[in-house]
Amino acid sequence: MEKFKHQIPNALTVFRIILIPVFIYFALNDYFIVTLIVFVVAALTDTFDGVIARKFGYVSNFGKIVDPLADKLLVASALVIFSYWGILFWWLTVIILLREVFMTVYRELLKKRGIFLAAIKRKPPHRWSPSSQPLHTERSCQRS
C-alpha cells in the first residue's frame, strides 16, 4: 500500500495526459462547457500532483520528466484550440510554441553541461502606502 501512495502524483500526471485528447475532441466538436470542465480537471491534476509530491516527498524520475511534458502538452493544445476558435492569432500561438520548444531544448543542453536553468522566485515588489512610511514628527527629526 505504501508503494501505491508514492505513485499517486505519477498517476495524476498520466491521467492529465489522457485528458488532453479528450479536451481536444470536445473542443473540436464545439462542446464548450465540457471542454472547459475537462481543461479545469486537467489543470487541477497538475496542482494536486505537485502538492502531493512536494508535501510527502514522492519525487520520481518519471515525474521529473513526464510532469513538465504533460504541462507543455496541455498548454500547447489549449493554445492551438484557442487559435482554431479564432480567440488567439495563429502567429502568436506559433511564437509561444517555438519559444517553449527552444527553452526546453536549451535547458536540456545546459543540463548536459551541469548547468541547471530554473525559474527564480522573487519577492513581490514593496508597494508604497502611507501606512508603510515612517511617521516623522518634529520631535522625532530633531537631533539630541
N, C-alpha and C. Protein backbone atom coordinates (compact mmCIF):
# COMPACT_ATOMS: atom_id res chain seq x y z
N MET A 1 0.82 -1.20 0.00
CA MET A 1 0.00 0.00 0.00
C MET A 1 0.87 1.26 0.00
N GLU A 2 1.97 1.24 0.73
CA GLU A 2 2.87 2.39 0.81
C GLU A 2 3.46 2.70 -0.57
N LYS A 3 3.77 1.65 -1.34
CA LYS A 3 4.31 1.84 -2.67
C LYS A 3 3.30 2.53 -3.58
N PHE A 4 2.02 2.20 -3.40
CA PHE A 4 0.96 2.81 -4.19
C PHE A 4 0.87 4.31 -3.93
N LYS A 5 1.03 4.72 -2.68
CA LYS A 5 0.94 6.14 -2.33
C LYS A 5 1.99 6.96 -3.07
N HIS A 6 3.18 6.38 -3.25
CA HIS A 6 4.25 7.09 -3.95
C HIS A 6 3.92 7.31 -5.42
N GLN A 7 3.00 6.52 -5.97
CA GLN A 7 2.67 6.62 -7.38
C GLN A 7 1.49 7.56 -7.67
N ILE A 8 0.86 8.11 -6.63
CA ILE A 8 -0.29 8.99 -6.84
C ILE A 8 0.06 10.19 -7.74
N PRO A 9 1.15 10.91 -7.48
CA PRO A 9 1.47 12.03 -8.39
C PRO A 9 1.67 11.57 -9.83
N ASN A 10 2.33 10.43 -10.02
CA ASN A 10 2.55 9.92 -11.38
C ASN A 10 1.23 9.51 -12.04
N ALA A 11 0.33 8.92 -11.26
CA ALA A 11 -0.98 8.53 -11.80
C ALA A 11 -1.77 9.77 -12.22
N LEU A 12 -1.68 10.83 -11.43
CA LEU A 12 -2.36 12.08 -11.80
C LEU A 12 -1.77 12.68 -13.07
N THR A 13 -0.46 12.57 -13.23
CA THR A 13 0.19 13.07 -14.44
C THR A 13 -0.26 12.27 -15.67
N VAL A 14 -0.31 10.95 -15.54
CA VAL A 14 -0.77 10.11 -16.65
C VAL A 14 -2.23 10.41 -16.97
N PHE A 15 -3.04 10.61 -15.93
CA PHE A 15 -4.45 10.95 -16.14
C PHE A 15 -4.56 12.28 -16.91
N ARG A 16 -3.71 13.25 -16.58
CA ARG A 16 -3.71 14.53 -17.28
C ARG A 16 -3.38 14.33 -18.76
N ILE A 17 -2.42 13.48 -19.05
CA ILE A 17 -2.06 13.20 -20.44
C ILE A 17 -3.23 12.55 -21.18
N ILE A 18 -3.94 11.65 -20.50
CA ILE A 18 -5.11 11.00 -21.10
C ILE A 18 -6.22 12.02 -21.37
N LEU A 19 -6.34 13.03 -20.51
CA LEU A 19 -7.38 14.05 -20.68
C LEU A 19 -7.11 14.98 -21.87
N ILE A 20 -5.88 15.09 -22.33
CA ILE A 20 -5.56 16.02 -23.42
C ILE A 20 -6.32 15.68 -24.70
N PRO A 21 -6.32 14.43 -25.19
CA PRO A 21 -7.11 14.14 -26.40
C PRO A 21 -8.62 14.29 -26.15
N VAL A 22 -9.06 14.04 -24.93
CA VAL A 22 -10.47 14.24 -24.59
C VAL A 22 -10.80 15.73 -24.70
N PHE A 23 -9.92 16.57 -24.16
CA PHE A 23 -10.07 18.02 -24.26
C PHE A 23 -10.14 18.46 -25.72
N ILE A 24 -9.24 17.96 -26.54
CA ILE A 24 -9.20 18.33 -27.96
C ILE A 24 -10.47 17.86 -28.68
N TYR A 25 -10.91 16.65 -28.40
CA TYR A 25 -12.12 16.13 -29.05
C TYR A 25 -13.33 17.03 -28.77
N PHE A 26 -13.56 17.34 -27.50
CA PHE A 26 -14.71 18.17 -27.15
C PHE A 26 -14.56 19.59 -27.71
N ALA A 27 -13.35 20.10 -27.73
CA ALA A 27 -13.12 21.44 -28.27
C ALA A 27 -13.41 21.50 -29.76
N LEU A 28 -12.95 20.50 -30.50
CA LEU A 28 -13.16 20.48 -31.95
C LEU A 28 -14.63 20.26 -32.32
N ASN A 29 -15.38 19.67 -31.42
CA ASN A 29 -16.81 19.43 -31.67
C ASN A 29 -17.69 20.48 -31.01
N ASP A 30 -17.08 21.58 -30.58
CA ASP A 30 -17.79 22.74 -30.03
C ASP A 30 -18.63 22.46 -28.78
N TYR A 31 -18.17 21.55 -27.96
CA TYR A 31 -18.79 21.34 -26.65
C TYR A 31 -18.02 22.22 -25.65
N PHE A 32 -18.35 23.50 -25.66
CA PHE A 32 -17.54 24.48 -24.93
C PHE A 32 -17.52 24.24 -23.42
N ILE A 33 -18.67 23.96 -22.84
CA ILE A 33 -18.74 23.78 -21.38
C ILE A 33 -17.98 22.51 -20.98
N VAL A 34 -18.16 21.44 -21.73
CA VAL A 34 -17.46 20.18 -21.43
C VAL A 34 -15.96 20.38 -21.62
N THR A 35 -15.58 21.12 -22.65
CA THR A 35 -14.17 21.42 -22.89
C THR A 35 -13.57 22.16 -21.70
N LEU A 36 -14.29 23.15 -21.21
CA LEU A 36 -13.82 23.90 -20.05
C LEU A 36 -13.68 23.01 -18.82
N ILE A 37 -14.65 22.16 -18.60
CA ILE A 37 -14.61 21.25 -17.43
C ILE A 37 -13.41 20.31 -17.53
N VAL A 38 -13.20 19.73 -18.71
CA VAL A 38 -12.07 18.81 -18.89
C VAL A 38 -10.75 19.54 -18.67
N PHE A 39 -10.64 20.78 -19.18
CA PHE A 39 -9.41 21.54 -19.00
C PHE A 39 -9.18 21.86 -17.52
N VAL A 40 -10.23 22.26 -16.82
CA VAL A 40 -10.09 22.58 -15.39
C VAL A 40 -9.68 21.34 -14.60
N VAL A 41 -10.28 20.20 -14.91
CA VAL A 41 -9.91 18.95 -14.22
C VAL A 41 -8.44 18.63 -14.50
N ALA A 42 -8.01 18.77 -15.75
CA ALA A 42 -6.61 18.50 -16.10
C ALA A 42 -5.68 19.46 -15.36
N ALA A 43 -6.06 20.73 -15.29
CA ALA A 43 -5.23 21.72 -14.58
C ALA A 43 -5.17 21.41 -13.09
N LEU A 44 -6.29 20.96 -12.53
CA LEU A 44 -6.29 20.61 -11.10
C LEU A 44 -5.41 19.40 -10.81
N THR A 45 -5.35 18.45 -11.73
CA THR A 45 -4.46 17.30 -11.52
C THR A 45 -3.01 17.77 -11.45
N ASP A 46 -2.69 18.81 -12.23
CA ASP A 46 -1.33 19.36 -12.18
C ASP A 46 -1.07 19.96 -10.80
N THR A 47 -2.03 20.69 -10.29
CA THR A 47 -1.88 21.29 -8.96
C THR A 47 -1.73 20.21 -7.89
N PHE A 48 -2.62 19.23 -7.92
CA PHE A 48 -2.62 18.20 -6.88
C PHE A 48 -1.38 17.32 -6.94
N ASP A 49 -0.93 16.94 -8.15
CA ASP A 49 0.26 16.08 -8.20
C ASP A 49 1.48 16.81 -7.66
N GLY A 50 1.58 18.11 -7.92
CA GLY A 50 2.71 18.88 -7.39
C GLY A 50 2.65 19.02 -5.88
N VAL A 51 1.47 19.31 -5.36
CA VAL A 51 1.32 19.46 -3.91
C VAL A 51 1.63 18.15 -3.20
N ILE A 52 1.08 17.06 -3.69
CA ILE A 52 1.29 15.74 -3.07
C ILE A 52 2.77 15.35 -3.15
N ALA A 53 3.37 15.53 -4.32
CA ALA A 53 4.78 15.14 -4.48
C ALA A 53 5.70 15.92 -3.54
N ARG A 54 5.46 17.23 -3.41
CA ARG A 54 6.32 18.04 -2.54
C ARG A 54 6.03 17.80 -1.06
N LYS A 55 4.76 17.71 -0.71
CA LYS A 55 4.40 17.57 0.70
C LYS A 55 4.90 16.27 1.30
N PHE A 56 4.77 15.18 0.54
CA PHE A 56 5.15 13.87 1.06
C PHE A 56 6.48 13.36 0.53
N GLY A 57 7.14 14.15 -0.31
CA GLY A 57 8.44 13.75 -0.84
C GLY A 57 8.36 12.62 -1.85
N TYR A 58 7.25 12.54 -2.57
CA TYR A 58 7.06 11.49 -3.57
C TYR A 58 7.60 11.95 -4.92
N VAL A 59 8.88 12.18 -4.98
CA VAL A 59 9.51 12.64 -6.21
C VAL A 59 10.13 11.44 -6.92
N SER A 60 9.85 11.35 -8.23
CA SER A 60 10.41 10.24 -9.00
C SER A 60 11.01 10.77 -10.29
N ASN A 61 11.89 9.98 -10.89
CA ASN A 61 12.49 10.37 -12.17
C ASN A 61 11.41 10.46 -13.25
N PHE A 62 10.44 9.54 -13.19
CA PHE A 62 9.32 9.57 -14.13
C PHE A 62 8.59 10.91 -14.03
N GLY A 63 8.28 11.32 -12.83
CA GLY A 63 7.56 12.57 -12.61
C GLY A 63 8.36 13.78 -13.04
N LYS A 64 9.68 13.74 -12.81
CA LYS A 64 10.53 14.87 -13.19
C LYS A 64 10.52 15.09 -14.71
N ILE A 65 10.35 14.01 -15.45
CA ILE A 65 10.38 14.10 -16.91
C ILE A 65 8.97 14.29 -17.48
N VAL A 66 8.04 13.46 -17.05
CA VAL A 66 6.72 13.41 -17.68
C VAL A 66 5.81 14.56 -17.22
N ASP A 67 5.92 15.00 -15.97
CA ASP A 67 5.04 16.08 -15.50
C ASP A 67 5.22 17.37 -16.30
N PRO A 68 6.46 17.86 -16.49
CA PRO A 68 6.61 19.07 -17.31
C PRO A 68 6.15 18.86 -18.76
N LEU A 69 6.37 17.65 -19.27
CA LEU A 69 5.92 17.34 -20.63
C LEU A 69 4.39 17.40 -20.72
N ALA A 70 3.71 16.84 -19.72
CA ALA A 70 2.25 16.88 -19.69
C ALA A 70 1.75 18.32 -19.61
N ASP A 71 2.42 19.14 -18.81
CA ASP A 71 2.05 20.55 -18.70
C ASP A 71 2.16 21.25 -20.05
N LYS A 72 3.29 21.03 -20.72
CA LYS A 72 3.52 21.66 -22.02
C LYS A 72 2.50 21.19 -23.06
N LEU A 73 2.18 19.91 -23.05
CA LEU A 73 1.20 19.38 -24.00
C LEU A 73 -0.19 19.97 -23.75
N LEU A 74 -0.57 20.09 -22.49
CA LEU A 74 -1.88 20.66 -22.15
C LEU A 74 -1.95 22.12 -22.59
N VAL A 75 -0.94 22.90 -22.27
CA VAL A 75 -0.93 24.32 -22.64
C VAL A 75 -0.88 24.47 -24.17
N ALA A 76 -0.05 23.67 -24.82
CA ALA A 76 0.05 23.73 -26.28
C ALA A 76 -1.29 23.40 -26.94
N SER A 77 -1.96 22.38 -26.44
CA SER A 77 -3.25 22.02 -27.03
C SER A 77 -4.28 23.13 -26.80
N ALA A 78 -4.23 23.78 -25.64
CA ALA A 78 -5.16 24.90 -25.38
C ALA A 78 -4.86 26.07 -26.31
N LEU A 79 -3.60 26.37 -26.52
CA LEU A 79 -3.24 27.46 -27.44
C LEU A 79 -3.72 27.17 -28.86
N VAL A 80 -3.52 25.95 -29.31
CA VAL A 80 -3.95 25.57 -30.66
C VAL A 80 -5.47 25.66 -30.76
N ILE A 81 -6.18 25.20 -29.75
CA ILE A 81 -7.64 25.26 -29.75
C ILE A 81 -8.11 26.71 -29.76
N PHE A 82 -7.47 27.58 -28.96
CA PHE A 82 -7.84 29.00 -28.96
C PHE A 82 -7.64 29.61 -30.35
N SER A 83 -6.57 29.23 -31.03
CA SER A 83 -6.34 29.73 -32.38
C SER A 83 -7.38 29.17 -33.35
N TYR A 84 -7.69 27.91 -33.20
CA TYR A 84 -8.70 27.26 -34.04
C TYR A 84 -10.06 27.95 -33.87
N TRP A 85 -10.39 28.32 -32.65
CA TRP A 85 -11.65 29.01 -32.37
C TRP A 85 -11.62 30.48 -32.79
N GLY A 86 -10.43 31.01 -33.11
CA GLY A 86 -10.32 32.41 -33.50
C GLY A 86 -10.14 33.35 -32.33
N ILE A 87 -9.86 32.82 -31.15
CA ILE A 87 -9.65 33.64 -29.96
C ILE A 87 -8.23 34.19 -29.93
N LEU A 88 -7.31 33.44 -30.48
CA LEU A 88 -5.89 33.79 -30.45
C LEU A 88 -5.36 33.73 -31.88
N PHE A 89 -4.50 34.68 -32.23
CA PHE A 89 -3.90 34.67 -33.56
C PHE A 89 -2.97 33.46 -33.71
N TRP A 90 -2.98 32.84 -34.90
CA TRP A 90 -2.11 31.69 -35.14
C TRP A 90 -0.65 32.05 -34.99
N TRP A 91 -0.26 33.24 -35.47
CA TRP A 91 1.14 33.61 -35.39
C TRP A 91 1.61 33.70 -33.94
N LEU A 92 0.72 34.13 -33.05
CA LEU A 92 1.07 34.21 -31.63
C LEU A 92 1.24 32.81 -31.03
N THR A 93 0.34 31.91 -31.42
CA THR A 93 0.45 30.52 -30.96
C THR A 93 1.78 29.91 -31.41
N VAL A 94 2.13 30.15 -32.66
CA VAL A 94 3.39 29.61 -33.20
C VAL A 94 4.59 30.17 -32.44
N ILE A 95 4.59 31.47 -32.16
CA ILE A 95 5.71 32.08 -31.42
C ILE A 95 5.82 31.48 -30.03
N ILE A 96 4.70 31.34 -29.34
CA ILE A 96 4.72 30.79 -27.98
C ILE A 96 5.22 29.34 -27.99
N LEU A 97 4.72 28.55 -28.93
CA LEU A 97 5.14 27.14 -29.01
C LEU A 97 6.61 27.01 -29.39
N LEU A 98 7.08 27.85 -30.31
CA LEU A 98 8.51 27.81 -30.67
C LEU A 98 9.38 28.20 -29.48
N ARG A 99 8.93 29.19 -28.71
CA ARG A 99 9.68 29.59 -27.51
C ARG A 99 9.75 28.43 -26.52
N GLU A 100 8.65 27.73 -26.32
CA GLU A 100 8.63 26.58 -25.41
C GLU A 100 9.59 25.49 -25.88
N VAL A 101 9.58 25.20 -27.18
CA VAL A 101 10.49 24.18 -27.71
C VAL A 101 11.93 24.63 -27.53
N PHE A 102 12.21 25.90 -27.85
CA PHE A 102 13.57 26.42 -27.71
C PHE A 102 14.04 26.33 -26.26
N MET A 103 13.21 26.78 -25.32
CA MET A 103 13.61 26.77 -23.91
C MET A 103 13.82 25.34 -23.39
N THR A 104 12.98 24.42 -23.84
CA THR A 104 13.13 23.02 -23.41
C THR A 104 14.45 22.44 -23.92
N VAL A 105 14.75 22.67 -25.18
CA VAL A 105 16.00 22.18 -25.76
C VAL A 105 17.20 22.86 -25.10
N TYR A 106 17.09 24.16 -24.89
CA TYR A 106 18.17 24.93 -24.26
C TYR A 106 18.45 24.43 -22.84
N ARG A 107 17.39 24.19 -22.05
CA ARG A 107 17.57 23.67 -20.70
C ARG A 107 18.27 22.31 -20.71
N GLU A 108 17.86 21.46 -21.65
CA GLU A 108 18.48 20.13 -21.74
C GLU A 108 19.96 20.22 -22.11
N LEU A 109 20.28 21.10 -23.04
CA LEU A 109 21.69 21.27 -23.41
C LEU A 109 22.51 21.79 -22.23
N LEU A 110 21.95 22.74 -21.50
CA LEU A 110 22.65 23.26 -20.32
C LEU A 110 22.78 22.19 -19.25
N LYS A 111 21.73 21.39 -19.09
CA LYS A 111 21.76 20.33 -18.07
C LYS A 111 22.88 19.33 -18.36
N LYS A 112 23.12 19.04 -19.64
CA LYS A 112 24.20 18.13 -20.00
C LYS A 112 25.57 18.70 -19.63
N ARG A 113 25.66 20.02 -19.56
CA ARG A 113 26.90 20.68 -19.16
C ARG A 113 26.97 20.92 -17.66
N GLY A 114 25.94 20.46 -16.94
CA GLY A 114 25.93 20.63 -15.49
C GLY A 114 25.37 21.96 -15.02
N ILE A 115 24.72 22.68 -15.92
CA ILE A 115 24.12 23.97 -15.58
C ILE A 115 22.61 23.79 -15.54
N PHE A 116 22.00 24.16 -14.42
CA PHE A 116 20.56 23.98 -14.27
C PHE A 116 19.88 25.33 -14.30
N LEU A 117 19.09 25.55 -15.34
CA LEU A 117 18.36 26.79 -15.53
C LEU A 117 16.97 26.62 -14.95
N ALA A 118 16.69 27.33 -13.88
CA ALA A 118 15.39 27.21 -13.23
C ALA A 118 14.78 28.59 -13.08
N ALA A 119 13.49 28.60 -12.89
CA ALA A 119 12.80 29.87 -12.65
C ALA A 119 13.23 30.40 -11.29
N ILE A 120 13.37 31.70 -11.19
CA ILE A 120 13.78 32.33 -9.94
C ILE A 120 12.54 32.86 -9.24
N LYS A 121 12.42 32.51 -7.97
CA LYS A 121 11.33 33.06 -7.18
C LYS A 121 11.79 34.39 -6.62
N ARG A 122 11.00 35.40 -6.89
CA ARG A 122 11.35 36.73 -6.41
C ARG A 122 10.28 37.21 -5.45
N LYS A 123 10.72 38.09 -4.53
CA LYS A 123 9.76 38.69 -3.63
C LYS A 123 8.93 39.69 -4.41
N PRO A 124 7.65 39.81 -4.08
CA PRO A 124 6.86 40.83 -4.77
C PRO A 124 7.40 42.22 -4.43
N PRO A 125 7.27 43.15 -5.36
CA PRO A 125 7.81 44.49 -5.07
C PRO A 125 7.07 45.13 -3.91
N HIS A 126 7.81 45.90 -3.14
CA HIS A 126 7.22 46.59 -2.00
C HIS A 126 6.34 47.72 -2.53
N ARG A 127 5.12 47.74 -2.12
CA ARG A 127 4.21 48.80 -2.57
C ARG A 127 4.20 49.92 -1.56
N TRP A 128 4.16 51.12 -2.08
CA TRP A 128 4.13 52.28 -1.21
C TRP A 128 2.72 52.52 -0.72
N SER A 129 2.60 52.77 0.53
CA SER A 129 1.33 53.21 1.09
C SER A 129 1.67 54.12 2.26
N PRO A 130 0.78 55.03 2.58
CA PRO A 130 1.08 55.93 3.71
C PRO A 130 1.39 55.19 5.00
N SER A 131 0.75 54.05 5.22
CA SER A 131 0.98 53.31 6.46
C SER A 131 2.33 52.63 6.49
N SER A 132 2.96 52.45 5.31
CA SER A 132 4.26 51.78 5.29
C SER A 132 5.42 52.76 5.47
N GLN A 133 5.12 54.04 5.44
CA GLN A 133 6.16 55.06 5.58
C GLN A 133 6.34 55.42 7.05
N PRO A 134 7.58 55.72 7.45
CA PRO A 134 7.79 56.14 8.84
C PRO A 134 7.09 57.46 9.11
N LEU A 135 6.58 57.57 10.30
CA LEU A 135 5.90 58.79 10.70
C LEU A 135 6.94 59.75 11.27
N HIS A 136 7.13 60.87 10.59
CA HIS A 136 8.11 61.86 11.04
C HIS A 136 7.37 63.01 11.71
N THR A 137 7.74 63.25 12.88
CA THR A 137 7.22 64.42 13.58
C THR A 137 8.39 65.35 13.85
N GLU A 138 8.09 66.54 14.26
CA GLU A 138 9.15 67.49 14.54
C GLU A 138 10.07 66.95 15.62
N ARG A 139 9.52 66.32 16.58
CA ARG A 139 10.32 65.82 17.70
C ARG A 139 11.20 64.65 17.26
N SER A 140 10.69 63.75 16.43
CA SER A 140 11.49 62.58 16.04
C SER A 140 12.59 62.95 15.07
N CYS A 141 12.49 64.09 14.41
CA CYS A 141 13.51 64.51 13.46
C CYS A 141 14.58 65.38 14.08
N GLN A 142 14.36 65.83 15.31
CA GLN A 142 15.36 66.70 15.96
C GLN A 142 16.52 65.86 16.46
N ARG A 143 17.69 66.46 16.43
CA ARG A 143 18.87 65.79 16.97
C ARG A 143 18.96 66.08 18.46
N SER A 144 19.40 65.13 19.18
CA SER A 144 19.52 65.32 20.63
C SER A 144 20.85 65.90 20.99
